[in-house]
Amino acid sequence: MASAIPTGLTHEMMATVTEDMSPPHLKGAAVLSTPAMISLMEQCALQAMLPYLDPGETTVGTEVCVTHDAALRVGQQVTIRARFQGVEGRRYVWEVEALGPDGRRIGGGTHKRAVVSLARLGGQGG
């Protein structure tokens, strides 16, 4: 069970903004969309939790509360950081942020995840 995650644990990942991360309704605006930024934040928190899970467990996102404050263009590097804040009931609370190549914050907030059984979800894991 993920209860052994130390408060303050920080995980970081980098990605390059690609065309498929752009908002489809903004033709020609080749920028990182808010849903794509949130997806990266969720992936970062998930990756941080994986080493602490028991076999047959995974996590699912349950809440996201973030702002998207600045644009990143296709081809630019984004750094995603997730820092574990603690447990609220069954929810694992993460402070998440996205940083541009110059280190300035382009978005951030909180994200919560819950540990679930893969069997209950109908998955096999791996």
N, C-alpha and C. Protein backbone atom coordinates (compact mmCIF):
# COMPACT_ATOMS: atom_id res chain seq x y z
N MET A 1 0.84 -1.19 0.00
CA MET A 1 0.00 0.00 0.00
C MET A 1 0.88 1.24 0.00
N ALA A 2 0.41 2.27 -0.61
CA ALA A 2 1.20 3.49 -0.82
C ALA A 2 1.37 4.34 0.43
N SER A 3 1.00 3.85 1.59
CA SER A 3 1.10 4.65 2.81
C SER A 3 2.54 4.98 3.18
N ALA A 4 3.50 4.31 2.59
CA ALA A 4 4.91 4.54 2.92
C ALA A 4 5.52 5.71 2.14
N ILE A 5 4.74 6.39 1.33
CA ILE A 5 5.28 7.52 0.56
C ILE A 5 5.69 8.62 1.53
N PRO A 6 6.93 9.05 1.49
CA PRO A 6 7.36 10.10 2.42
C PRO A 6 6.83 11.47 2.01
N THR A 7 6.30 12.20 2.97
CA THR A 7 5.85 13.56 2.70
C THR A 7 7.03 14.36 2.17
N GLY A 8 6.78 15.12 1.13
CA GLY A 8 7.83 15.91 0.51
C GLY A 8 8.52 15.23 -0.66
N LEU A 9 8.22 13.92 -0.87
CA LEU A 9 8.79 13.22 -2.02
C LEU A 9 8.49 14.02 -3.28
N THR A 10 9.51 14.24 -4.09
CA THR A 10 9.34 15.01 -5.32
C THR A 10 9.76 14.16 -6.51
N HIS A 11 8.93 14.19 -7.54
CA HIS A 11 9.24 13.49 -8.79
C HIS A 11 9.18 14.53 -9.90
N GLU A 12 10.09 14.39 -10.86
CA GLU A 12 10.16 15.34 -11.96
C GLU A 12 10.28 14.59 -13.27
N MET A 13 9.63 15.10 -14.29
CA MET A 13 9.75 14.53 -15.63
C MET A 13 9.77 15.66 -16.64
N MET A 14 10.35 15.38 -17.79
CA MET A 14 10.41 16.37 -18.85
C MET A 14 9.73 15.83 -20.09
N ALA A 15 9.17 16.74 -20.87
CA ALA A 15 8.53 16.37 -22.13
C ALA A 15 8.73 17.51 -23.11
N THR A 16 8.69 17.17 -24.37
CA THR A 16 8.70 18.17 -25.43
C THR A 16 7.28 18.37 -25.90
N VAL A 17 6.85 19.62 -25.99
CA VAL A 17 5.49 19.92 -26.46
C VAL A 17 5.40 19.53 -27.93
N THR A 18 4.42 18.69 -28.25
CA THR A 18 4.20 18.22 -29.62
C THR A 18 2.88 18.77 -30.16
N GLU A 19 2.73 18.67 -31.46
CA GLU A 19 1.53 19.18 -32.12
C GLU A 19 0.25 18.58 -31.54
N ASP A 20 0.29 17.28 -31.20
CA ASP A 20 -0.92 16.63 -30.67
C ASP A 20 -1.27 17.10 -29.26
N MET A 21 -0.41 17.91 -28.63
CA MET A 21 -0.71 18.50 -27.32
C MET A 21 -1.37 19.87 -27.45
N SER A 22 -1.58 20.32 -28.69
CA SER A 22 -2.18 21.64 -28.94
C SER A 22 -3.70 21.56 -28.93
N PRO A 23 -4.37 22.66 -28.60
CA PRO A 23 -5.83 22.66 -28.62
C PRO A 23 -6.34 22.55 -30.05
N PRO A 24 -7.18 21.56 -30.35
CA PRO A 24 -7.63 21.36 -31.72
C PRO A 24 -8.50 22.50 -32.25
N HIS A 25 -9.15 23.24 -31.37
CA HIS A 25 -10.04 24.31 -31.81
C HIS A 25 -9.29 25.62 -32.10
N LEU A 26 -8.01 25.68 -31.79
CA LEU A 26 -7.21 26.87 -32.07
C LEU A 26 -6.27 26.59 -33.23
N LYS A 27 -6.81 26.61 -34.41
CA LYS A 27 -6.02 26.32 -35.62
C LYS A 27 -4.81 27.26 -35.70
N GLY A 28 -3.65 26.68 -35.85
CA GLY A 28 -2.44 27.47 -36.00
C GLY A 28 -1.80 27.91 -34.68
N ALA A 29 -2.50 27.72 -33.57
CA ALA A 29 -1.92 28.08 -32.26
C ALA A 29 -1.24 26.85 -31.69
N ALA A 30 -0.01 26.66 -32.07
CA ALA A 30 0.73 25.46 -31.68
C ALA A 30 1.31 25.63 -30.28
N VAL A 31 0.43 25.49 -29.28
CA VAL A 31 0.81 25.67 -27.88
C VAL A 31 0.32 24.49 -27.05
N LEU A 32 0.90 24.34 -25.87
CA LEU A 32 0.48 23.29 -24.94
C LEU A 32 -0.92 23.60 -24.42
N SER A 33 -1.85 22.67 -24.63
CA SER A 33 -3.22 22.86 -24.14
C SER A 33 -3.30 22.56 -22.65
N THR A 34 -4.34 23.08 -22.02
CA THR A 34 -4.55 22.81 -20.60
C THR A 34 -4.78 21.32 -20.34
N PRO A 35 -5.62 20.62 -21.14
CA PRO A 35 -5.78 19.18 -20.89
C PRO A 35 -4.47 18.40 -21.02
N ALA A 36 -3.61 18.79 -21.96
CA ALA A 36 -2.33 18.10 -22.12
C ALA A 36 -1.42 18.37 -20.92
N MET A 37 -1.43 19.60 -20.41
CA MET A 37 -0.63 19.93 -19.23
C MET A 37 -1.11 19.11 -18.04
N ILE A 38 -2.42 19.01 -17.86
CA ILE A 38 -2.98 18.24 -16.75
C ILE A 38 -2.62 16.76 -16.89
N SER A 39 -2.68 16.24 -18.10
CA SER A 39 -2.31 14.84 -18.33
C SER A 39 -0.86 14.58 -17.91
N LEU A 40 0.04 15.50 -18.25
CA LEU A 40 1.44 15.35 -17.84
C LEU A 40 1.58 15.40 -16.32
N MET A 41 0.82 16.26 -15.68
CA MET A 41 0.86 16.36 -14.21
C MET A 41 0.39 15.05 -13.57
N GLU A 42 -0.69 14.48 -14.13
CA GLU A 42 -1.19 13.20 -13.61
C GLU A 42 -0.16 12.09 -13.81
N GLN A 43 0.47 12.06 -14.99
CA GLN A 43 1.49 11.05 -15.26
C GLN A 43 2.66 11.16 -14.28
N CYS A 44 3.05 12.38 -13.97
CA CYS A 44 4.17 12.60 -13.06
C CYS A 44 3.85 12.08 -11.66
N ALA A 45 2.66 12.38 -11.15
CA ALA A 45 2.27 11.90 -9.83
C ALA A 45 2.14 10.37 -9.82
N LEU A 46 1.59 9.81 -10.89
CA LEU A 46 1.48 8.35 -11.00
C LEU A 46 2.87 7.71 -10.97
N GLN A 47 3.80 8.23 -11.76
CA GLN A 47 5.16 7.67 -11.78
C GLN A 47 5.81 7.74 -10.40
N ALA A 48 5.54 8.81 -9.67
CA ALA A 48 6.10 8.94 -8.32
C ALA A 48 5.56 7.89 -7.38
N MET A 49 4.31 7.48 -7.57
CA MET A 49 3.66 6.53 -6.66
C MET A 49 3.98 5.07 -6.99
N LEU A 50 4.31 4.77 -8.23
CA LEU A 50 4.49 3.38 -8.65
C LEU A 50 5.42 2.55 -7.76
N PRO A 51 6.57 3.06 -7.35
CA PRO A 51 7.46 2.24 -6.53
C PRO A 51 6.88 1.88 -5.15
N TYR A 52 5.84 2.58 -4.73
CA TYR A 52 5.27 2.37 -3.40
C TYR A 52 4.03 1.48 -3.42
N LEU A 53 3.61 1.04 -4.59
CA LEU A 53 2.40 0.23 -4.71
C LEU A 53 2.70 -1.24 -4.52
N ASP A 54 1.73 -1.96 -3.98
CA ASP A 54 1.81 -3.41 -3.88
C ASP A 54 1.47 -4.02 -5.24
N PRO A 55 1.89 -5.25 -5.51
CA PRO A 55 1.49 -5.92 -6.74
C PRO A 55 -0.04 -5.94 -6.84
N GLY A 56 -0.53 -5.70 -8.03
CA GLY A 56 -1.98 -5.69 -8.25
C GLY A 56 -2.65 -4.37 -7.95
N GLU A 57 -1.87 -3.34 -7.59
CA GLU A 57 -2.43 -2.02 -7.32
C GLU A 57 -2.01 -1.03 -8.40
N THR A 58 -2.83 -0.03 -8.58
CA THR A 58 -2.50 1.13 -9.40
C THR A 58 -3.14 2.34 -8.75
N THR A 59 -3.02 3.48 -9.39
CA THR A 59 -3.70 4.67 -8.87
C THR A 59 -4.53 5.30 -9.97
N VAL A 60 -5.55 6.02 -9.54
CA VAL A 60 -6.40 6.76 -10.48
C VAL A 60 -6.51 8.19 -9.97
N GLY A 61 -6.59 9.11 -10.91
CA GLY A 61 -6.79 10.51 -10.54
C GLY A 61 -8.21 10.72 -10.05
N THR A 62 -8.35 11.52 -9.00
CA THR A 62 -9.68 11.79 -8.45
C THR A 62 -10.02 13.27 -8.42
N GLU A 63 -9.01 14.13 -8.48
CA GLU A 63 -9.28 15.57 -8.42
C GLU A 63 -8.09 16.33 -8.99
N VAL A 64 -8.40 17.39 -9.73
CA VAL A 64 -7.37 18.28 -10.26
C VAL A 64 -7.86 19.71 -10.06
N CYS A 65 -7.01 20.55 -9.50
CA CYS A 65 -7.32 21.97 -9.33
C CYS A 65 -6.06 22.75 -9.69
N VAL A 66 -5.97 23.18 -10.95
CA VAL A 66 -4.76 23.85 -11.42
C VAL A 66 -5.11 25.11 -12.21
N THR A 67 -4.13 25.98 -12.31
CA THR A 67 -4.22 27.12 -13.21
C THR A 67 -3.22 26.92 -14.34
N HIS A 68 -3.53 27.51 -15.48
CA HIS A 68 -2.63 27.48 -16.64
C HIS A 68 -2.33 28.94 -16.95
N ASP A 69 -1.13 29.37 -16.61
CA ASP A 69 -0.82 30.79 -16.56
C ASP A 69 -0.02 31.35 -17.73
N ALA A 70 0.63 30.50 -18.49
CA ALA A 70 1.47 30.98 -19.59
C ALA A 70 1.54 29.91 -20.67
N ALA A 71 1.87 30.34 -21.89
CA ALA A 71 1.91 29.42 -23.03
C ALA A 71 3.31 28.85 -23.25
N LEU A 72 3.32 27.62 -23.76
CA LEU A 72 4.54 27.01 -24.28
C LEU A 72 4.25 26.57 -25.71
N ARG A 73 5.16 26.84 -26.60
CA ARG A 73 4.97 26.49 -28.01
C ARG A 73 5.45 25.07 -28.30
N VAL A 74 4.91 24.51 -29.38
CA VAL A 74 5.36 23.21 -29.86
C VAL A 74 6.87 23.27 -30.07
N GLY A 75 7.54 22.23 -29.61
CA GLY A 75 8.99 22.15 -29.71
C GLY A 75 9.71 22.57 -28.43
N GLN A 76 9.01 23.29 -27.56
CA GLN A 76 9.63 23.71 -26.30
C GLN A 76 9.57 22.58 -25.28
N GLN A 77 10.50 22.63 -24.35
CA GLN A 77 10.59 21.64 -23.28
C GLN A 77 9.74 22.11 -22.10
N VAL A 78 8.99 21.19 -21.50
CA VAL A 78 8.24 21.47 -20.28
C VAL A 78 8.73 20.51 -19.20
N THR A 79 8.94 21.03 -18.01
CA THR A 79 9.31 20.21 -16.86
C THR A 79 8.09 20.13 -15.95
N ILE A 80 7.73 18.92 -15.59
CA ILE A 80 6.59 18.69 -14.70
C ILE A 80 7.14 18.21 -13.37
N ARG A 81 6.63 18.78 -12.30
CA ARG A 81 7.09 18.41 -10.96
C ARG A 81 5.87 18.09 -10.09
N ALA A 82 5.95 16.97 -9.36
CA ALA A 82 4.91 16.59 -8.41
C ALA A 82 5.57 16.39 -7.04
N ARG A 83 5.01 17.03 -6.03
CA ARG A 83 5.56 16.94 -4.66
C ARG A 83 4.46 16.44 -3.74
N PHE A 84 4.73 15.32 -3.05
CA PHE A 84 3.73 14.69 -2.19
C PHE A 84 3.48 15.52 -0.94
N GLN A 85 2.19 15.82 -0.71
CA GLN A 85 1.80 16.65 0.42
C GLN A 85 1.28 15.85 1.61
N GLY A 86 0.74 14.65 1.34
CA GLY A 86 0.18 13.84 2.42
C GLY A 86 -1.09 13.14 1.98
N VAL A 87 -1.73 12.49 2.93
CA VAL A 87 -2.93 11.70 2.66
C VAL A 87 -4.13 12.37 3.31
N GLU A 88 -5.23 12.48 2.57
CA GLU A 88 -6.52 12.96 3.08
C GLU A 88 -7.53 11.84 2.89
N GLY A 89 -7.81 11.10 3.93
CA GLY A 89 -8.70 9.95 3.79
C GLY A 89 -8.03 8.91 2.91
N ARG A 90 -8.66 8.61 1.76
CA ARG A 90 -8.10 7.66 0.80
C ARG A 90 -7.35 8.35 -0.34
N ARG A 91 -7.26 9.66 -0.28
CA ARG A 91 -6.67 10.43 -1.37
C ARG A 91 -5.22 10.83 -1.05
N TYR A 92 -4.37 10.66 -2.04
CA TYR A 92 -2.97 11.05 -1.95
C TYR A 92 -2.84 12.40 -2.64
N VAL A 93 -2.42 13.41 -1.91
CA VAL A 93 -2.44 14.80 -2.38
C VAL A 93 -1.06 15.21 -2.88
N TRP A 94 -1.04 15.75 -4.09
CA TRP A 94 0.20 16.18 -4.74
C TRP A 94 0.11 17.65 -5.11
N GLU A 95 1.18 18.38 -4.87
CA GLU A 95 1.34 19.72 -5.42
C GLU A 95 2.02 19.52 -6.77
N VAL A 96 1.42 20.05 -7.82
CA VAL A 96 1.96 19.85 -9.16
C VAL A 96 2.26 21.20 -9.81
N GLU A 97 3.28 21.21 -10.66
CA GLU A 97 3.57 22.42 -11.40
C GLU A 97 4.23 22.08 -12.73
N ALA A 98 4.04 22.98 -13.68
CA ALA A 98 4.68 22.87 -14.99
C ALA A 98 5.58 24.09 -15.15
N LEU A 99 6.80 23.83 -15.62
CA LEU A 99 7.79 24.90 -15.77
C LEU A 99 8.26 24.95 -17.21
N GLY A 100 8.45 26.16 -17.71
CA GLY A 100 8.97 26.34 -19.05
C GLY A 100 10.47 26.11 -19.09
N PRO A 101 11.07 26.17 -20.29
CA PRO A 101 12.51 25.91 -20.42
C PRO A 101 13.37 26.91 -19.65
N ASP A 102 12.82 28.08 -19.35
CA ASP A 102 13.56 29.08 -18.59
C ASP A 102 13.32 28.95 -17.08
N GLY A 103 12.55 27.94 -16.69
CA GLY A 103 12.28 27.71 -15.27
C GLY A 103 11.08 28.45 -14.72
N ARG A 104 10.43 29.28 -15.56
CA ARG A 104 9.27 30.00 -15.04
C ARG A 104 8.06 29.08 -15.01
N ARG A 105 7.23 29.28 -14.02
CA ARG A 105 6.04 28.45 -13.83
C ARG A 105 5.00 28.82 -14.88
N ILE A 106 4.51 27.81 -15.60
CA ILE A 106 3.45 28.07 -16.58
C ILE A 106 2.10 27.57 -16.07
N GLY A 107 2.11 26.78 -15.01
CA GLY A 107 0.86 26.30 -14.42
C GLY A 107 1.14 25.49 -13.18
N GLY A 108 0.11 25.32 -12.38
CA GLY A 108 0.28 24.51 -11.18
C GLY A 108 -0.95 24.49 -10.31
N GLY A 109 -0.89 23.67 -9.26
CA GLY A 109 -2.00 23.54 -8.33
C GLY A 109 -1.90 22.25 -7.57
N THR A 110 -3.04 21.59 -7.37
CA THR A 110 -3.06 20.33 -6.63
C THR A 110 -3.71 19.23 -7.45
N HIS A 111 -3.31 18.02 -7.14
CA HIS A 111 -3.85 16.83 -7.81
C HIS A 111 -3.96 15.73 -6.77
N LYS A 112 -5.09 15.02 -6.77
CA LYS A 112 -5.30 13.92 -5.82
C LYS A 112 -5.45 12.61 -6.57
N ARG A 113 -4.92 11.53 -5.96
CA ARG A 113 -4.99 10.20 -6.54
C ARG A 113 -5.45 9.22 -5.47
N ALA A 114 -6.08 8.13 -5.91
CA ALA A 114 -6.50 7.06 -5.01
C ALA A 114 -5.87 5.75 -5.48
N VAL A 115 -5.49 4.92 -4.52
CA VAL A 115 -4.96 3.58 -4.83
C VAL A 115 -6.14 2.64 -5.01
N VAL A 116 -6.10 1.88 -6.11
CA VAL A 116 -7.18 0.93 -6.41
C VAL A 116 -6.59 -0.41 -6.85
N SER A 117 -7.41 -1.43 -6.75
CA SER A 117 -7.03 -2.77 -7.19
C SER A 117 -7.21 -2.88 -8.70
N LEU A 118 -6.19 -3.38 -9.38
CA LEU A 118 -6.31 -3.61 -10.83
C LEU A 118 -7.42 -4.61 -11.13
N ALA A 119 -7.56 -5.63 -10.29
CA ALA A 119 -8.61 -6.63 -10.50
C ALA A 119 -9.98 -5.98 -10.44
N ARG A 120 -10.15 -5.04 -9.54
CA ARG A 120 -11.44 -4.35 -9.42
C ARG A 120 -11.74 -3.52 -10.66
N LEU A 121 -10.68 -3.00 -11.28
CA LEU A 121 -10.85 -2.22 -12.51
C LEU A 121 -10.97 -3.12 -13.74
N GLY A 122 -10.68 -4.40 -13.57
CA GLY A 122 -10.73 -5.31 -14.70
C GLY A 122 -9.44 -5.36 -15.48
N GLY A 123 -8.36 -4.81 -14.90
CA GLY A 123 -7.07 -4.80 -15.58
C GLY A 123 -6.14 -5.85 -15.02
N GLN A 124 -5.05 -6.06 -15.75
CA GLN A 124 -4.08 -7.07 -15.35
C GLN A 124 -2.79 -6.46 -14.83
N GLY A 125 -2.55 -5.20 -15.17
CA GLY A 125 -1.30 -4.56 -14.74
C GLY A 125 -0.13 -5.01 -15.56
N GLY A 126 1.04 -4.62 -15.09
CA GLY A 126 2.23 -5.04 -15.79
C GLY A 126 2.95 -3.89 -16.31
